[in-house]
């Protein structure tokens, strides 16, 4: 059963505020107007060696009005929850649009803002899939859970320090537009994480972090729904000891079997950002660059091997970017980005969809607060598993000389999402189809199309895991968004491996 929407949010004068703002915008001649009230509650809890080192619980709330007037965008926001104030904010948004239109004409630009059609959805509500709201759990209980896990790790030989964190977010949005769509939504997400640190007598040190991804779940996630915490925590001390004793990798070309706990980040950087249409068109350039997957390559770019099938998805259960409706009133959808290795789609908002003639938006408009304008943001971008595909063990068994990569760590990619390198938490040598101990100081390096073109096998559904991040950055002023990336284990042939210690001159 879906959880109820927080009554303290629905008790706000949402409809009267929206009615006042939209009526004023229409009276001033706006071609389109939308009203968005947004409340975001963030809680952070940090433990160091089993003791609370810091905590925070903050709420950001406000509302915004966005309009199209004379073919230009206008935007304004406010925090005064009165009808007169909402009408004034709408007037400010129209005034900004008028100024933008004058600037456009002065510059000689003929480009006008037009929005792709979206049917009116009437009045709708939507709540993400979670069992127990983490904000209903007292902070003392949250700290006790992290403390218990921390002490379990500290009791093991070779574990000298443990850092533990819990991030929890409840996001409420009310949206209404001049076409008649009215939505009220609630999303909850959590990210528990523990890192064990070992320090040798020589002063050398290393760490091992839990692989449990952030999830669109509630407190039940920390109680074992969706992740086996007991098994993961029990294995960390021995894995850390192996890592401390591991030899440094020999640089060269290797076959790689990459676990979903690492591959999700490569998907995020080399596919997720590269298929944002505003980036591919050059509208987004100052923050993390543009994209090599330019619009003229749609339908022809060989992104990877024929086994590569990637979807954009705003509907995946427990996905961090999963919604009912986006910040332009567009219903959530799932669609192809890469099919059989060829670029077949982009992530769109309504203006980008109309500008390029691609039809309906696929619902990728999002703002992280009422003080920010919605921008085109990433959906849950995921590599699909192979039907009846191999297990991770079967993928490893097909490698004579290679490396098995587990867990994400650092990464680097150029401003066109093309040249990259990624490290990981654990690297295992593969010899004659078997794991032969851990390695360290490794990073894999490639170009996006070479890397995905080298993918020879994709794991089956039992290897599929939904990874992701709470904090994907984009836009100026900067905004952050949560996004998930599902993927199976996969086999890549002949990928270049760097020795990071040697590359750093050590």
Protein backbone atom coordinates (compact mmCIF):
# COMPACT_ATOMS: atom_id res chain seq x y z
CA UNK A 1 0.00 0.00 0.00
CA UNK A 2 1.34 3.48 -0.85
CA UNK A 3 2.24 5.63 2.14
CA UNK A 4 0.16 8.78 2.75
CA UNK A 5 1.41 12.19 1.72
CA UNK A 6 2.56 14.20 4.72
CA UNK A 7 -0.43 16.10 6.10
CA UNK A 8 1.73 19.03 7.18
CA UNK A 9 2.45 19.61 3.50
CA UNK A 10 -1.07 19.13 2.16
CA UNK A 11 -2.36 21.47 4.91
CA UNK A 12 -0.55 24.37 3.24
CA UNK A 13 -2.75 26.66 1.06
CA UNK A 14 -1.43 25.03 -2.11
CA UNK A 15 -4.43 25.40 -4.41
CA UNK A 16 -5.27 28.98 -3.42
CA UNK A 17 -1.65 30.03 -3.94
CA UNK A 18 -1.54 28.32 -7.33
CA UNK A 19 -4.88 29.79 -8.38
CA UNK A 20 -3.75 33.30 -7.46
CA UNK A 21 -0.42 32.96 -9.29
CA UNK A 22 -1.83 31.36 -12.43
CA UNK A 23 -4.70 33.83 -12.67
CA UNK A 24 -2.29 36.75 -12.46
CA UNK A 25 0.02 35.24 -15.08
CA UNK A 26 -2.90 34.68 -17.47
CA UNK A 27 -4.15 38.23 -16.92
CA UNK A 28 -0.70 39.52 -17.88
CA UNK A 29 -0.75 37.58 -21.14
CA UNK A 30 1.42 34.55 -20.32
CA UNK A 31 1.24 31.86 -22.99
CA UNK A 32 2.09 29.24 -20.37
CA UNK A 33 2.33 29.39 -16.59
CA UNK A 34 3.10 26.86 -13.88
CA UNK A 35 3.23 27.02 -10.10
CA UNK A 36 5.42 24.74 -7.98
CA UNK A 37 5.54 24.52 -4.19
CA UNK A 38 8.43 22.44 -2.94
CA UNK A 39 9.50 21.28 0.51
CA UNK A 40 12.70 19.25 0.95
CA UNK A 41 13.75 17.83 4.30
CA UNK A 42 17.32 16.53 4.61
CA UNK A 43 18.75 14.66 7.59
CA UNK A 44 22.40 13.71 8.02
CA UNK A 45 23.90 11.53 10.74
CA UNK A 46 27.64 10.83 11.04
CA UNK A 47 29.42 8.48 13.42
CA UNK A 48 33.16 8.13 13.95
CA UNK A 49 34.29 4.89 15.60
CA UNK A 50 30.80 4.23 16.89
CA UNK A 51 30.23 7.67 18.40
CA UNK A 52 28.04 10.42 16.96
CA UNK A 53 30.28 13.00 15.29
CA UNK A 54 27.58 15.20 13.79
CA UNK A 55 23.95 15.40 12.78
CA UNK A 56 21.69 17.77 10.94
CA UNK A 57 18.04 18.09 10.02
CA UNK A 58 17.04 20.96 7.75
CA UNK A 59 13.98 21.88 5.70
CA UNK A 60 13.87 24.11 2.62
CA UNK A 61 10.44 25.34 1.53
CA UNK A 62 9.08 27.86 -0.92
CA UNK A 63 7.18 28.24 -4.17
CA UNK A 64 7.97 29.34 -7.70
CA UNK A 65 6.15 30.61 -10.76
CA UNK A 66 7.49 30.03 -14.26
CA UNK A 67 5.95 31.53 -17.40
CA UNK A 68 6.40 31.76 -21.13
CA UNK A 69 5.53 35.27 -22.32
CA UNK A 70 6.28 36.64 -25.80
CA UNK A 71 8.32 33.52 -26.51
CA UNK A 72 10.65 33.95 -23.51
CA UNK A 73 11.04 32.32 -20.11
CA UNK A 74 10.30 34.16 -16.90
CA UNK A 75 10.83 32.83 -13.39
CA UNK A 76 10.42 34.08 -9.83
CA UNK A 77 10.08 32.49 -6.41
CA UNK A 78 8.87 33.40 -2.95
CA UNK A 79 8.35 32.26 0.62
CA UNK A 80 5.41 34.45 1.67
CA UNK A 81 2.45 32.03 1.65
CA UNK A 82 -0.31 34.58 0.97
CA UNK A 83 -2.43 34.97 -2.14
CA UNK A 84 -1.27 38.54 -2.73
CA UNK A 85 2.37 37.47 -2.51
CA UNK A 86 1.83 34.60 -4.96
CA UNK A 87 0.23 37.01 -7.43
CA UNK A 88 3.20 39.39 -7.04
CA UNK A 89 5.63 36.56 -7.72
CA UNK A 90 3.70 35.74 -10.89
CA UNK A 91 3.97 39.37 -11.93
CA UNK A 92 7.73 39.28 -11.33
CA UNK A 93 8.01 36.17 -13.52
CA UNK A 94 6.15 37.89 -16.37
CA UNK A 95 8.33 41.00 -15.99
CA UNK A 96 11.43 38.84 -16.28
CA UNK A 97 10.05 37.17 -19.42
CA UNK A 98 9.37 40.57 -21.00
CA UNK A 99 12.93 41.64 -20.28
CA UNK A 100 14.28 38.39 -21.73
CA UNK A 101 12.21 38.89 -24.88
CA UNK A 102 13.64 42.40 -25.34
CA UNK A 103 17.17 41.10 -24.91
CA UNK A 104 16.48 38.36 -27.48
CA UNK A 105 15.20 40.87 -30.04
CA UNK A 106 18.12 43.23 -29.40
CA UNK A 107 20.50 40.36 -30.04
CA UNK A 108 18.69 39.57 -33.30
CA UNK A 109 17.70 36.06 -32.22
CA UNK A 110 14.59 34.53 -33.76
CA UNK A 111 14.48 31.64 -31.30
CA UNK A 112 11.31 31.54 -29.23
CA UNK A 113 10.49 29.25 -26.33
CA UNK A 114 7.81 26.76 -27.30
CA UNK A 115 6.79 23.70 -25.33
CA UNK A 116 6.03 20.24 -26.66
CA UNK A 117 2.42 19.23 -26.15
CA UNK A 118 1.49 17.31 -23.02
CA UNK A 119 -2.08 16.26 -22.24
CA UNK A 120 -3.71 17.68 -19.14
CA UNK A 121 -3.62 15.02 -16.43
CA UNK A 122 -6.16 16.62 -14.15
CA UNK A 123 -5.57 16.22 -10.44
CA UNK A 124 -3.12 13.46 -9.47
CA UNK A 125 -1.10 12.34 -6.46
CA UNK A 126 1.92 10.03 -6.32
CA UNK A 127 4.12 8.58 -3.56
CA UNK A 128 7.39 6.68 -4.02
CA UNK A 129 7.69 3.03 -3.00
CA UNK A 130 8.86 2.81 0.61
CA UNK A 131 7.70 1.04 3.74
CA UNK A 132 8.57 3.28 6.70
CA UNK A 133 9.41 6.95 6.57
CA UNK A 134 12.91 7.37 8.07
CA UNK A 135 11.78 10.65 9.64
CA UNK A 136 9.32 8.63 11.75
CA UNK A 137 12.33 6.89 13.35
CA UNK A 138 13.86 8.81 16.31
CA UNK A 139 17.42 9.97 15.75
CA UNK A 140 18.50 7.93 18.77
CA UNK A 141 17.33 4.77 17.03
CA UNK A 142 19.08 5.73 13.81
CA UNK A 143 22.31 6.38 15.72
CA UNK A 144 21.96 3.09 17.59
CA UNK A 145 21.74 1.16 14.32
CA UNK A 146 24.84 2.80 12.89
CA UNK A 147 26.64 2.42 16.21
CA UNK A 148 25.89 -1.29 16.38
CA UNK A 149 27.24 -1.83 12.86
CA UNK A 150 30.32 0.30 13.61
CA UNK A 151 31.19 -1.67 16.75
CA UNK A 152 30.77 -4.93 14.84
CA UNK A 153 33.43 -3.80 12.37
CA UNK A 154 35.72 -2.35 15.05
CA UNK A 155 35.73 -5.68 16.88
CA UNK A 156 37.43 -7.37 13.90
CA UNK A 157 41.20 -7.71 13.61
CA UNK A 158 42.77 -5.16 11.30
CA UNK A 159 39.97 -2.59 11.47
CA UNK A 160 41.29 0.56 13.17
CA UNK A 161 38.58 3.09 12.40
CA UNK A 162 35.01 3.11 11.11
CA UNK A 163 33.10 6.00 9.58
CA UNK A 164 29.31 5.64 9.31
CA UNK A 165 26.79 7.96 7.69
CA UNK A 166 23.07 7.99 7.05
CA UNK A 167 21.46 10.43 4.64
CA UNK A 168 17.68 10.65 4.46
CA UNK A 169 15.49 12.90 2.30
CA UNK A 170 11.77 13.55 2.09
CA UNK A 171 10.78 15.65 -0.92
CA UNK A 172 7.27 17.05 -1.38
CA UNK A 173 6.09 18.88 -4.49
CA UNK A 174 2.82 20.47 -5.52
CA UNK A 175 2.53 21.49 -9.16
CA UNK A 176 -0.24 23.22 -11.11
CA UNK A 177 -0.18 24.68 -14.61
CA UNK A 178 -2.38 26.72 -16.89
CA UNK A 179 -3.31 23.60 -18.90
CA UNK A 180 -5.08 22.05 -15.90
CA UNK A 181 -2.55 19.52 -14.56
CA UNK A 182 -2.34 19.48 -10.75
CA UNK A 183 0.00 17.03 -9.01
CA UNK A 184 0.96 16.40 -5.38
CA UNK A 185 3.92 14.09 -4.83
CA UNK A 186 6.16 12.70 -2.10
CA UNK A 187 9.53 10.98 -2.53
CA UNK A 188 11.63 9.35 0.20
CA UNK A 189 15.20 8.11 -0.16
CA UNK A 190 17.96 6.87 2.14
CA UNK A 191 21.69 6.19 1.89
CA UNK A 192 23.42 4.32 4.73
CA UNK A 193 27.18 3.86 4.31
CA UNK A 194 30.03 2.45 6.41
CA UNK A 195 33.75 2.65 5.71
CA UNK A 196 36.31 0.54 7.56
CA UNK A 197 39.91 1.82 7.70
CA UNK A 198 43.07 -0.20 8.37
CA UNK A 199 46.40 1.41 9.32
CA UNK A 200 49.59 -0.66 9.14
CA UNK A 201 52.59 -0.23 11.46
CA UNK A 202 54.44 1.28 8.51
CA UNK A 203 51.85 4.04 8.25
CA UNK A 204 50.28 2.62 5.08
CA UNK A 205 46.50 2.63 5.17
CA UNK A 206 43.49 1.72 3.06
CA UNK A 207 39.74 1.49 3.36
CA UNK A 208 36.78 -0.68 2.43
CA UNK A 209 33.27 0.75 2.00
CA UNK A 210 29.91 -0.95 1.93
CA UNK A 211 28.52 -1.49 -1.56
CA UNK A 212 24.88 -0.93 -0.56
CA UNK A 213 23.63 1.75 -2.97
CA UNK A 214 21.42 4.70 -2.07
CA UNK A 215 17.81 3.72 -2.66
CA UNK A 216 14.33 5.09 -3.03
CA UNK A 217 13.32 3.22 0.10
CA UNK A 218 12.61 4.01 3.73
CA UNK A 219 13.87 2.78 7.11
CA UNK A 220 13.07 -0.80 6.12
CA UNK A 221 16.24 -0.69 3.98
CA UNK A 222 18.33 -0.57 7.15
CA UNK A 223 16.33 -3.50 8.54
CA UNK A 224 17.33 -5.80 5.68
CA UNK A 225 14.68 -5.16 3.03
CA UNK A 226 16.52 -4.81 -0.25
CA UNK A 227 20.03 -5.48 1.13
CA UNK A 228 21.76 -8.12 3.26
CA UNK A 229 23.63 -5.91 5.71
CA UNK A 230 24.68 -8.78 7.97
CA UNK A 231 26.45 -10.58 5.15
CA UNK A 232 28.16 -7.47 3.79
CA UNK A 233 29.43 -6.25 7.16
CA UNK A 234 30.68 -9.70 8.08
CA UNK A 235 32.84 -9.82 4.95
CA UNK A 236 34.42 -6.37 5.09
CA UNK A 237 37.29 -7.05 7.57
CA UNK A 238 38.71 -9.95 5.56
CA UNK A 239 38.29 -8.06 2.28
CA UNK A 240 40.13 -5.09 3.77
CA UNK A 241 42.95 -7.31 5.02
CA UNK A 242 43.32 -8.81 1.54
CA UNK A 243 43.41 -5.35 0.01
CA UNK A 244 46.12 -4.18 2.41
CA UNK A 245 48.30 -7.14 1.39
CA UNK A 246 47.53 -7.01 -2.34
CA UNK A 247 50.29 -6.49 -4.91
CA UNK A 248 50.29 -3.51 -7.25
CA UNK A 249 48.77 -4.14 -10.68
CA UNK A 250 50.94 -4.46 -13.76
CA UNK A 251 49.77 -1.92 -16.34
CA UNK A 252 48.55 -3.24 -19.68
CA UNK A 253 45.52 -4.52 -21.58
CA UNK A 254 43.17 -6.85 -19.71
CA UNK A 255 39.76 -8.41 -20.13
CA UNK A 256 37.47 -6.93 -17.47
CA UNK A 257 34.44 -8.31 -15.71
CA UNK A 258 32.83 -5.28 -14.11
CA UNK A 259 30.40 -5.63 -11.23
CA UNK A 260 27.26 -3.42 -11.13
CA UNK A 261 28.65 -1.73 -8.00
CA UNK A 262 31.30 -0.17 -10.26
CA UNK A 263 29.67 -0.09 -13.70
CA UNK A 264 26.78 2.15 -12.61
CA UNK A 265 29.14 5.13 -12.31
CA UNK A 266 30.63 4.56 -15.77
CA UNK A 267 27.07 4.52 -17.12
CA UNK A 268 26.29 7.75 -15.28
CA UNK A 269 29.27 9.64 -16.66
CA UNK A 270 29.64 8.21 -20.18
CA UNK A 271 25.97 7.61 -21.08
CA UNK A 272 23.74 9.41 -18.60
CA UNK A 273 25.27 12.86 -19.02
CA UNK A 274 26.16 12.34 -22.68
CA UNK A 275 22.51 11.71 -23.66
CA UNK A 276 21.10 14.82 -22.00
CA UNK A 277 19.83 16.68 -25.04
CA UNK A 278 20.58 20.17 -23.75
CA UNK A 279 24.21 19.06 -23.32
CA UNK A 280 24.31 17.44 -26.78
CA UNK A 281 22.95 20.66 -28.32
CA UNK A 282 25.43 22.86 -26.46
CA UNK A 283 22.88 24.63 -24.24
CA UNK A 284 24.64 23.09 -21.23
CA UNK A 285 28.37 23.67 -21.48
CA UNK A 286 29.78 25.64 -18.55
CA UNK A 287 29.15 22.95 -15.91
CA UNK A 288 30.93 19.70 -16.92
CA UNK A 289 30.83 20.38 -20.63
CA UNK A 290 28.81 19.26 -23.63
CA UNK A 291 28.62 15.81 -25.29
CA UNK A 292 30.27 13.90 -28.11
CA UNK A 293 26.83 12.32 -28.83
CA UNK A 294 25.64 15.32 -30.83
CA UNK A 295 22.15 15.55 -32.29
CA UNK A 296 23.30 14.89 -35.88
CA UNK A 297 24.41 11.40 -34.74
CA UNK A 298 20.96 10.31 -33.55
CA UNK A 299 20.15 6.97 -35.14
CA UNK A 300 23.65 6.45 -36.55
CA UNK A 301 26.22 6.68 -33.73
CA UNK A 302 27.60 3.25 -32.84
CA UNK A 303 27.74 3.81 -29.10
CA UNK A 304 28.80 0.26 -28.29
CA UNK A 305 28.49 -3.40 -29.15
CA UNK A 306 25.18 -4.86 -30.40
CA UNK A 307 24.63 -6.23 -26.88
CA UNK A 308 24.28 -2.69 -25.53
CA UNK A 309 20.69 -1.70 -24.70
CA UNK A 310 20.22 1.32 -22.45
CA UNK A 311 16.97 2.87 -21.26
CA UNK A 312 16.01 6.13 -19.65
CA UNK A 313 13.39 5.42 -17.00
CA UNK A 314 11.40 7.62 -14.62
CA UNK A 315 9.25 4.69 -13.44
CA UNK A 316 11.74 2.14 -11.97
CA UNK A 317 10.64 0.96 -8.53
CA UNK A 318 12.94 2.37 -5.82
CA UNK A 319 14.81 4.46 -8.40
CA UNK A 320 16.21 7.72 -7.09
CA UNK A 321 15.01 9.62 -10.19
CA UNK A 322 11.63 7.89 -10.20
CA UNK A 323 8.63 10.23 -10.14
CA UNK A 324 4.98 10.32 -11.04
CA UNK A 325 5.19 13.63 -12.94
CA UNK A 326 8.10 15.93 -13.65
CA UNK A 327 8.35 19.66 -12.95
CA UNK A 328 6.58 20.47 -16.23
CA UNK A 329 3.57 18.24 -15.56
CA UNK A 330 4.83 15.43 -17.84
CA UNK A 331 3.91 11.89 -16.81
CA UNK A 332 6.77 9.51 -16.02
CA UNK A 333 7.90 7.23 -18.87
CA UNK A 334 10.52 4.67 -19.93
CA UNK A 335 12.26 4.85 -23.33
CA UNK A 336 15.31 3.70 -25.29
CA UNK A 337 18.52 5.70 -25.34
CA UNK A 338 20.73 3.06 -26.96
CA UNK A 339 19.30 0.06 -28.80
CA UNK A 340 21.49 -2.74 -30.17
CA UNK A 341 24.50 -0.48 -29.67
CA UNK A 342 23.13 2.53 -31.62
CA UNK A 343 22.14 5.91 -30.17
CA UNK A 344 18.35 6.09 -30.50
CA UNK A 345 17.18 8.66 -28.00
CA UNK A 346 17.89 11.51 -25.58
CA UNK A 347 16.63 12.77 -22.27
CA UNK A 348 14.22 15.66 -22.92
CA UNK A 349 12.24 18.41 -21.33
CA UNK A 350 9.35 20.09 -23.12
CA UNK A 351 11.30 22.95 -24.72
CA UNK A 352 14.12 20.69 -25.98
CA UNK A 353 11.60 18.20 -27.37
CA UNK A 354 9.78 20.93 -29.31
CA UNK A 355 13.00 22.60 -30.47
CA UNK A 356 14.28 19.42 -32.09
CA UNK A 357 10.95 18.06 -33.32
CA UNK A 358 11.27 14.88 -31.27
CA UNK A 359 7.65 14.92 -30.18
CA UNK A 360 6.57 14.56 -26.58
CA UNK A 361 8.92 15.23 -23.67
CA UNK A 362 9.99 12.13 -21.74
CA UNK A 363 9.66 13.95 -18.42
CA UNK A 364 13.18 15.06 -17.50
CA UNK A 365 12.53 18.55 -16.07
CA UNK A 366 13.53 18.91 -12.41
CA UNK A 367 14.46 21.61 -9.90
CA UNK A 368 16.08 20.79 -6.58
CA UNK A 369 14.37 23.64 -4.72
CA UNK A 370 11.72 26.29 -5.15
CA UNK A 371 14.49 28.85 -5.57
CA UNK A 372 15.76 27.18 -8.74
CA UNK A 373 14.25 26.99 -12.21
CA UNK A 374 13.61 23.47 -13.57
CA UNK A 375 16.34 22.24 -15.90
CA UNK A 376 16.73 19.07 -17.93
CA UNK A 377 17.93 16.38 -15.49
CA UNK A 378 18.91 12.76 -15.73
CA UNK A 379 16.42 9.89 -15.56
CA UNK A 380 17.34 6.46 -14.18
CA UNK A 381 19.68 5.50 -17.05
CA UNK A 382 20.24 1.74 -17.05
CA UNK A 383 22.00 -0.98 -19.03
CA UNK A 384 19.54 -3.80 -19.58
CA UNK A 385 20.49 -7.39 -18.63
CA UNK A 386 20.50 -10.18 -21.19
CA UNK A 387 17.51 -12.55 -21.11
CA UNK A 388 18.76 -15.85 -19.71
CA UNK A 389 22.19 -14.22 -19.58
CA UNK A 390 25.20 -15.59 -17.68
CA UNK A 391 25.94 -15.19 -14.00
CA UNK A 392 28.92 -13.18 -12.80
CA UNK A 393 30.77 -16.44 -12.12
CA UNK A 394 30.11 -17.59 -15.67
CA UNK A 395 31.45 -14.31 -17.05
CA UNK A 396 34.61 -14.72 -15.00
CA UNK A 397 35.00 -18.31 -16.15
CA UNK A 398 35.32 -17.08 -19.75
CA UNK A 399 38.40 -14.96 -19.01
CA UNK A 400 41.95 -16.35 -19.20
CA UNK A 401 43.80 -13.22 -18.09
CA UNK A 402 41.78 -10.36 -16.67
CA UNK A 403 40.51 -8.37 -13.75
CA UNK A 404 37.21 -8.37 -11.87
CA UNK A 405 36.25 -4.84 -10.73
CA UNK A 406 34.01 -4.27 -7.69
CA UNK A 407 32.80 -1.01 -6.13
CA UNK A 408 33.20 2.59 -7.27
CA UNK A 409 35.83 5.02 -6.13
CA UNK A 410 37.36 7.91 -8.11
CA UNK A 411 36.74 8.87 -11.72
CA UNK A 412 37.70 11.39 -14.39
CA UNK A 413 36.08 12.21 -17.75
CA UNK A 414 36.60 14.97 -20.29
CA UNK A 415 34.20 17.80 -21.15
CA UNK A 416 32.62 15.88 -24.04
CA UNK A 417 32.00 12.68 -22.00
CA UNK A 418 34.43 10.77 -24.21
CA UNK A 419 37.86 10.12 -22.66
CA UNK A 420 37.70 8.66 -19.16
CA UNK A 421 39.28 6.62 -16.42
CA UNK A 422 37.70 4.93 -13.41
CA UNK A 423 39.09 3.28 -10.32
CA UNK A 424 37.29 0.89 -7.97
CA UNK A 425 37.22 -0.40 -4.43
CA UNK A 426 38.45 -3.90 -5.22
CA UNK A 427 40.28 -5.40 -8.18
CA UNK A 428 40.72 -9.17 -8.43
CA UNK A 429 43.16 -10.89 -10.75
CA UNK A 430 41.47 -13.46 -13.02
CA UNK A 431 43.62 -16.39 -14.14
CA UNK A 432 42.24 -19.19 -16.28
CA UNK A 433 38.64 -18.39 -15.39
CA UNK A 434 39.18 -18.12 -11.62
CA UNK A 435 39.72 -15.30 -9.14
CA UNK A 436 43.33 -15.27 -7.94
CA UNK A 437 43.49 -12.62 -5.22
CA UNK A 438 43.17 -8.87 -4.98
CA UNK A 439 45.26 -6.23 -6.76
CA UNK A 440 45.61 -2.54 -5.99
CA UNK A 441 46.57 0.74 -7.69
CA UNK A 442 44.40 -0.02 -10.73
CA UNK A 443 42.29 2.17 -13.00
CA UNK A 444 40.67 1.36 -16.33
CA UNK A 445 40.99 3.92 -19.14
CA UNK A 446 39.26 4.20 -22.52
CA UNK A 447 37.12 6.33 -24.79
CA UNK A 448 33.38 5.91 -24.40
CA UNK A 449 32.75 4.22 -27.75
CA UNK A 450 35.82 1.97 -27.54
CA UNK A 451 34.85 0.85 -24.05
CA UNK A 452 31.22 0.04 -24.80
CA UNK A 453 32.25 -1.42 -28.15
CA UNK A 454 34.47 -3.91 -26.31
CA UNK A 455 31.49 -5.30 -24.31
CA UNK A 456 31.33 -8.97 -25.31
CA UNK A 457 28.83 -10.35 -22.80
CA UNK A 458 26.08 -8.98 -20.55
CA UNK A 459 24.97 -10.73 -17.39
CA UNK A 460 21.50 -12.03 -16.72
CA UNK A 461 18.77 -10.57 -14.57
CA UNK A 462 20.10 -12.18 -11.38
CA UNK A 463 23.22 -9.97 -11.69
CA UNK A 464 21.23 -6.73 -12.12
CA UNK A 465 21.58 -4.12 -9.33
CA UNK A 466 20.23 -0.56 -9.11
CA UNK A 467 23.13 1.71 -8.06
CA UNK A 468 23.23 5.48 -8.00
CA UNK A 469 24.00 8.75 -6.24
CA UNK A 470 22.24 11.37 -4.15
CA UNK A 471 24.24 14.24 -5.60
CA UNK A 472 24.52 14.61 -9.36
CA UNK A 473 25.49 18.19 -10.16
CA UNK A 474 24.39 20.33 -13.08
CA UNK A 475 23.45 23.89 -14.12
CA UNK A 476 24.50 27.32 -12.94
CA UNK A 477 23.54 28.22 -10.24
CA UNK A 478 24.37 24.62 -9.39
CA UNK A 479 21.65 22.11 -8.63
CA UNK A 480 21.87 18.55 -7.34
CA UNK A 481 19.60 15.63 -8.16
CA UNK A 482 19.39 11.99 -7.06
CA UNK A 483 19.58 9.36 -9.80
CA UNK A 484 19.83 5.58 -10.06
CA UNK A 485 21.56 3.43 -12.68
CA UNK A 486 20.76 -0.24 -12.99
CA UNK A 487 23.06 -2.68 -14.69
CA UNK A 488 24.15 -6.31 -14.74
CA UNK A 489 27.71 -7.57 -14.55
CA UNK A 490 29.38 -7.33 -17.97
CA UNK A 491 32.49 -8.56 -19.78
CA UNK A 492 34.77 -6.16 -21.69
CA UNK A 493 37.71 -7.32 -23.81
CA UNK A 494 41.14 -5.68 -24.04
CA UNK A 495 40.65 -2.62 -21.82
CA UNK A 496 43.69 -0.54 -20.85
CA UNK A 497 44.62 -0.75 -17.16
CA UNK A 498 46.79 1.97 -15.58
CA UNK A 499 48.88 1.63 -12.43
CA UNK A 500 47.73 4.70 -10.50
CA UNK A 501 50.73 4.69 -8.19
CA UNK A 502 53.14 4.77 -11.11
CA UNK A 503 51.04 7.39 -12.92
CA UNK A 504 51.31 9.59 -9.82
CA UNK A 505 55.10 9.20 -9.81
CA UNK A 506 55.24 7.13 -6.64
